[in-house]
Amino acid sequence: MSLSKSIKTISTIGVLLALAICYAAAQHIRIKNNQFYTDNGKRIWLNGVNTPWNKWNDFGGDFDRDWWNNHFQILRSNGINCTRVWISCNGNGAVKTGPRGVT
């Protein structure tokens, strides 16, 4: 298997695994009358940050699950309830899509 295909495969698996973990552990947020609510009907205010990476291009190379778990716990303990994670720094680890899906 070529390095390029290996990177794509690992990236795809990583993204799918991250999504599955997040879906299993996360609350669902609903929108009603331009306001956000949790599954149990409690109104929620989004308080978020940007999380670019731990090490340059984590998801395209040296992903550290323990660092990310710890980072999300720190955010949560400080009242942060959402974050935007930068999946790719330079495109090497990015999931590429085309008309037939993931390429």
N, C-alpha and C. Protein backbone atom coordinates (compact mmCIF):
# COMPACT_ATOMS: atom_id res chain seq x y z
N MET A 1 0.86 -1.17 0.00
CA MET A 1 0.00 0.00 0.00
C MET A 1 0.91 1.23 0.00
N SER A 2 0.60 2.19 -0.83
CA SER A 2 1.41 3.40 -0.91
C SER A 2 1.19 4.27 0.33
N LEU A 3 2.16 5.15 0.58
CA LEU A 3 2.08 6.05 1.73
C LEU A 3 0.83 6.92 1.64
N SER A 4 0.53 7.41 0.45
CA SER A 4 -0.64 8.26 0.26
C SER A 4 -1.93 7.52 0.61
N LYS A 5 -2.05 6.26 0.16
CA LYS A 5 -3.24 5.48 0.47
C LYS A 5 -3.31 5.17 1.96
N SER A 6 -2.16 4.89 2.57
CA SER A 6 -2.12 4.62 4.01
C SER A 6 -2.60 5.82 4.79
N ILE A 7 -2.14 7.00 4.41
CA ILE A 7 -2.55 8.23 5.10
C ILE A 7 -4.04 8.44 4.94
N LYS A 8 -4.55 8.24 3.75
CA LYS A 8 -5.99 8.41 3.52
C LYS A 8 -6.80 7.42 4.34
N THR A 9 -6.35 6.17 4.37
CA THR A 9 -7.06 5.15 5.11
C THR A 9 -7.06 5.45 6.61
N ILE A 10 -5.89 5.78 7.14
CA ILE A 10 -5.78 6.10 8.56
C ILE A 10 -6.61 7.33 8.90
N SER A 11 -6.57 8.34 8.04
CA SER A 11 -7.34 9.56 8.27
C SER A 11 -8.83 9.27 8.29
N THR A 12 -9.27 8.49 7.33
CA THR A 12 -10.70 8.15 7.25
C THR A 12 -11.14 7.37 8.48
N ILE A 13 -10.35 6.38 8.86
CA ILE A 13 -10.68 5.60 10.05
C ILE A 13 -10.69 6.48 11.28
N GLY A 14 -9.71 7.37 11.40
CA GLY A 14 -9.64 8.28 12.55
C GLY A 14 -10.85 9.18 12.64
N VAL A 15 -11.25 9.76 11.53
CA VAL A 15 -12.41 10.65 11.52
C VAL A 15 -13.68 9.87 11.87
N LEU A 16 -13.85 8.71 11.29
CA LEU A 16 -15.04 7.91 11.57
C LEU A 16 -15.07 7.46 13.03
N LEU A 17 -13.92 7.07 13.56
CA LEU A 17 -13.85 6.68 14.96
C LEU A 17 -14.17 7.86 15.87
N ALA A 18 -13.60 9.02 15.58
CA ALA A 18 -13.88 10.22 16.38
C ALA A 18 -15.36 10.56 16.34
N LEU A 19 -15.96 10.49 15.17
CA LEU A 19 -17.39 10.78 15.04
C LEU A 19 -18.23 9.78 15.83
N ALA A 20 -17.87 8.51 15.76
CA ALA A 20 -18.63 7.48 16.49
C ALA A 20 -18.52 7.70 17.99
N ILE A 21 -17.32 8.02 18.47
CA ILE A 21 -17.13 8.26 19.91
C ILE A 21 -17.92 9.49 20.34
N CYS A 22 -17.83 10.56 19.56
CA CYS A 22 -18.57 11.78 19.89
C CYS A 22 -20.06 11.54 19.89
N TYR A 23 -20.55 10.80 18.89
CA TYR A 23 -21.99 10.54 18.81
C TYR A 23 -22.46 9.72 20.00
N ALA A 24 -21.67 8.73 20.38
CA ALA A 24 -22.07 7.85 21.48
C ALA A 24 -22.09 8.60 22.82
N ALA A 25 -21.17 9.54 23.00
CA ALA A 25 -21.03 10.22 24.29
C ALA A 25 -21.70 11.59 24.34
N ALA A 26 -22.03 12.13 23.21
CA ALA A 26 -22.50 13.52 23.16
C ALA A 26 -24.00 13.64 23.36
N GLN A 27 -24.38 14.81 23.82
CA GLN A 27 -25.79 15.15 23.85
C GLN A 27 -26.17 15.60 22.44
N HIS A 28 -27.42 15.54 22.17
CA HIS A 28 -27.91 16.11 20.93
C HIS A 28 -28.46 17.49 21.24
N ILE A 29 -28.26 18.41 20.35
CA ILE A 29 -28.76 19.77 20.53
C ILE A 29 -29.85 20.02 19.50
N ARG A 30 -30.95 20.53 19.96
CA ARG A 30 -32.09 20.86 19.09
C ARG A 30 -32.25 22.37 19.04
N ILE A 31 -32.82 22.85 17.96
CA ILE A 31 -33.10 24.28 17.83
C ILE A 31 -34.62 24.47 17.84
N LYS A 32 -35.06 25.38 18.69
CA LYS A 32 -36.48 25.69 18.78
C LYS A 32 -36.60 27.20 18.95
N ASN A 33 -37.31 27.83 18.06
CA ASN A 33 -37.50 29.28 18.11
C ASN A 33 -36.18 30.03 18.23
N ASN A 34 -35.21 29.66 17.40
CA ASN A 34 -33.89 30.31 17.36
C ASN A 34 -33.09 30.17 18.66
N GLN A 35 -33.40 29.15 19.46
CA GLN A 35 -32.66 28.90 20.70
C GLN A 35 -32.23 27.43 20.71
N PHE A 36 -31.12 27.14 21.41
CA PHE A 36 -30.58 25.78 21.48
C PHE A 36 -31.03 25.09 22.76
N TYR A 37 -31.40 23.79 22.63
CA TYR A 37 -31.85 22.99 23.77
C TYR A 37 -31.20 21.61 23.74
N THR A 38 -30.93 21.06 24.95
CA THR A 38 -30.43 19.70 25.05
C THR A 38 -31.59 18.73 24.88
N ASP A 39 -31.26 17.43 24.87
CA ASP A 39 -32.29 16.40 24.72
C ASP A 39 -33.35 16.46 25.81
N ASN A 40 -32.95 16.88 27.02
CA ASN A 40 -33.92 16.91 28.12
C ASN A 40 -34.68 18.23 28.20
N GLY A 41 -34.55 19.08 27.18
CA GLY A 41 -35.31 20.32 27.12
C GLY A 41 -34.67 21.51 27.81
N LYS A 42 -33.47 21.36 28.34
CA LYS A 42 -32.78 22.46 29.01
C LYS A 42 -32.12 23.36 27.96
N ARG A 43 -32.32 24.67 28.12
CA ARG A 43 -31.73 25.63 27.19
C ARG A 43 -30.21 25.63 27.38
N ILE A 44 -29.50 25.71 26.29
CA ILE A 44 -28.04 25.67 26.34
C ILE A 44 -27.46 26.88 25.60
N TRP A 45 -26.42 27.43 26.17
CA TRP A 45 -25.66 28.50 25.53
C TRP A 45 -24.35 27.90 25.05
N LEU A 46 -24.03 28.10 23.78
CA LEU A 46 -22.78 27.58 23.27
C LEU A 46 -21.64 28.49 23.70
N ASN A 47 -20.67 27.91 24.36
CA ASN A 47 -19.49 28.62 24.85
C ASN A 47 -18.29 27.86 24.30
N GLY A 48 -17.74 28.33 23.18
CA GLY A 48 -16.75 27.53 22.47
C GLY A 48 -15.40 28.17 22.26
N VAL A 49 -14.49 27.33 21.80
CA VAL A 49 -13.13 27.73 21.51
C VAL A 49 -12.67 27.06 20.21
N ASN A 50 -11.53 27.50 19.71
CA ASN A 50 -10.85 26.82 18.62
C ASN A 50 -9.77 25.92 19.22
N THR A 51 -9.69 24.70 18.75
CA THR A 51 -8.62 23.79 19.14
C THR A 51 -7.90 23.39 17.86
N PRO A 52 -6.83 24.10 17.52
CA PRO A 52 -6.19 23.81 16.24
C PRO A 52 -5.49 22.45 16.20
N TRP A 53 -4.65 22.15 17.17
CA TRP A 53 -3.93 20.88 17.19
C TRP A 53 -3.11 20.81 18.47
N ASN A 54 -2.65 19.61 18.77
CA ASN A 54 -1.69 19.41 19.85
C ASN A 54 -0.29 19.52 19.25
N LYS A 55 -0.01 18.70 18.27
CA LYS A 55 1.23 18.78 17.50
C LYS A 55 0.81 19.06 16.06
N TRP A 56 1.64 19.74 15.34
CA TRP A 56 1.31 20.10 13.96
C TRP A 56 0.79 18.88 13.21
N ASN A 57 -0.40 19.02 12.64
CA ASN A 57 -1.00 18.01 11.77
C ASN A 57 -1.26 16.67 12.47
N ASP A 58 -1.79 16.72 13.71
CA ASP A 58 -2.09 15.51 14.49
C ASP A 58 -2.82 14.45 13.67
N PHE A 59 -3.86 14.88 12.99
CA PHE A 59 -4.74 13.91 12.33
C PHE A 59 -4.14 13.38 11.04
N GLY A 60 -3.08 14.00 10.57
CA GLY A 60 -2.38 13.50 9.40
C GLY A 60 -1.10 12.79 9.78
N GLY A 61 -0.85 12.65 11.08
CA GLY A 61 0.40 12.05 11.49
C GLY A 61 0.38 11.50 12.89
N ASP A 62 0.80 12.32 13.87
CA ASP A 62 1.09 11.85 15.22
C ASP A 62 -0.06 12.15 16.17
N PHE A 63 -1.18 11.44 16.03
CA PHE A 63 -2.36 11.65 16.86
C PHE A 63 -2.12 11.08 18.25
N ASP A 64 -2.42 11.88 19.28
CA ASP A 64 -2.22 11.46 20.68
C ASP A 64 -3.57 11.49 21.39
N ARG A 65 -4.21 10.33 21.47
CA ARG A 65 -5.55 10.21 22.04
C ARG A 65 -5.60 10.72 23.49
N ASP A 66 -4.58 10.41 24.29
CA ASP A 66 -4.56 10.84 25.69
C ASP A 66 -4.54 12.36 25.80
N TRP A 67 -3.76 13.02 24.94
CA TRP A 67 -3.71 14.48 24.98
C TRP A 67 -5.09 15.06 24.68
N TRP A 68 -5.74 14.52 23.64
CA TRP A 68 -7.06 15.05 23.25
C TRP A 68 -8.09 14.81 24.33
N ASN A 69 -8.11 13.62 24.92
CA ASN A 69 -9.06 13.35 26.01
C ASN A 69 -8.84 14.32 27.17
N ASN A 70 -7.59 14.53 27.54
CA ASN A 70 -7.26 15.47 28.62
C ASN A 70 -7.66 16.90 28.24
N HIS A 71 -7.38 17.29 27.02
CA HIS A 71 -7.71 18.64 26.56
C HIS A 71 -9.22 18.90 26.65
N PHE A 72 -10.02 17.93 26.18
CA PHE A 72 -11.47 18.10 26.24
C PHE A 72 -11.97 18.14 27.68
N GLN A 73 -11.36 17.38 28.57
CA GLN A 73 -11.73 17.44 29.99
C GLN A 73 -11.41 18.81 30.59
N ILE A 74 -10.25 19.36 30.24
CA ILE A 74 -9.89 20.71 30.71
C ILE A 74 -10.90 21.74 30.21
N LEU A 75 -11.23 21.67 28.94
CA LEU A 75 -12.22 22.60 28.38
C LEU A 75 -13.53 22.48 29.14
N ARG A 76 -13.99 21.25 29.31
CA ARG A 76 -15.28 21.02 29.99
C ARG A 76 -15.26 21.56 31.42
N SER A 77 -14.16 21.33 32.13
CA SER A 77 -14.09 21.79 33.53
C SER A 77 -14.03 23.31 33.62
N ASN A 78 -13.74 23.97 32.50
CA ASN A 78 -13.72 25.44 32.47
C ASN A 78 -14.96 26.03 31.80
N GLY A 79 -16.00 25.22 31.66
CA GLY A 79 -17.27 25.72 31.15
C GLY A 79 -17.40 25.77 29.64
N ILE A 80 -16.44 25.21 28.93
CA ILE A 80 -16.51 25.18 27.46
C ILE A 80 -17.35 23.97 27.06
N ASN A 81 -18.33 24.20 26.19
CA ASN A 81 -19.19 23.08 25.79
C ASN A 81 -19.17 22.80 24.29
N CYS A 82 -18.29 23.48 23.55
CA CYS A 82 -18.11 23.14 22.14
C CYS A 82 -16.75 23.66 21.68
N THR A 83 -16.20 22.99 20.69
CA THR A 83 -14.92 23.42 20.13
C THR A 83 -14.89 23.08 18.65
N ARG A 84 -14.15 23.89 17.92
CA ARG A 84 -13.91 23.63 16.50
C ARG A 84 -12.51 23.05 16.41
N VAL A 85 -12.40 21.82 15.93
CA VAL A 85 -11.11 21.14 15.82
C VAL A 85 -10.64 21.23 14.37
N TRP A 86 -9.40 21.63 14.22
CA TRP A 86 -8.79 21.70 12.89
C TRP A 86 -8.27 20.31 12.54
N ILE A 87 -8.91 19.66 11.59
CA ILE A 87 -8.56 18.29 11.23
C ILE A 87 -7.29 18.26 10.39
N SER A 88 -7.07 19.23 9.55
CA SER A 88 -5.90 19.20 8.67
C SER A 88 -5.22 20.56 8.67
N CYS A 89 -3.90 20.52 8.81
CA CYS A 89 -3.13 21.76 8.79
C CYS A 89 -2.66 22.10 7.38
N ASN A 90 -2.33 21.07 6.62
CA ASN A 90 -1.78 21.31 5.29
C ASN A 90 -2.40 20.43 4.21
N GLY A 91 -3.47 19.74 4.55
CA GLY A 91 -4.16 18.91 3.56
C GLY A 91 -3.69 17.46 3.53
N ASN A 92 -2.55 17.17 4.15
CA ASN A 92 -2.03 15.81 4.11
C ASN A 92 -2.94 14.80 4.80
N GLY A 93 -3.58 15.20 5.88
CA GLY A 93 -4.43 14.28 6.61
C GLY A 93 -5.90 14.47 6.34
N ALA A 94 -6.22 15.33 5.40
CA ALA A 94 -7.62 15.66 5.14
C ALA A 94 -8.34 14.50 4.46
N VAL A 95 -9.58 14.33 4.81
CA VAL A 95 -10.43 13.38 4.11
C VAL A 95 -10.88 14.06 2.83
N LYS A 96 -10.59 13.44 1.72
CA LYS A 96 -10.94 14.02 0.43
C LYS A 96 -12.20 13.33 -0.08
N THR A 97 -13.11 14.12 -0.62
CA THR A 97 -14.34 13.58 -1.16
C THR A 97 -14.48 13.95 -2.63
N GLY A 98 -15.26 13.16 -3.32
CA GLY A 98 -15.56 13.40 -4.73
C GLY A 98 -16.98 12.97 -5.00
N PRO A 99 -17.37 12.94 -6.25
CA PRO A 99 -18.74 12.56 -6.59
C PRO A 99 -19.15 11.19 -6.09
N ARG A 100 -18.19 10.28 -5.88
CA ARG A 100 -18.50 8.93 -5.41
C ARG A 100 -18.25 8.76 -3.91
N GLY A 101 -18.00 9.84 -3.21
CA GLY A 101 -17.76 9.76 -1.77
C GLY A 101 -16.31 10.01 -1.43
N VAL A 102 -15.83 9.32 -0.41
CA VAL A 102 -14.44 9.48 0.03
C VAL A 102 -13.51 8.88 -1.02
N THR A 103 -12.49 9.64 -1.38
CA THR A 103 -11.54 9.16 -2.40
C THR A 103 -10.24 8.74 -1.77
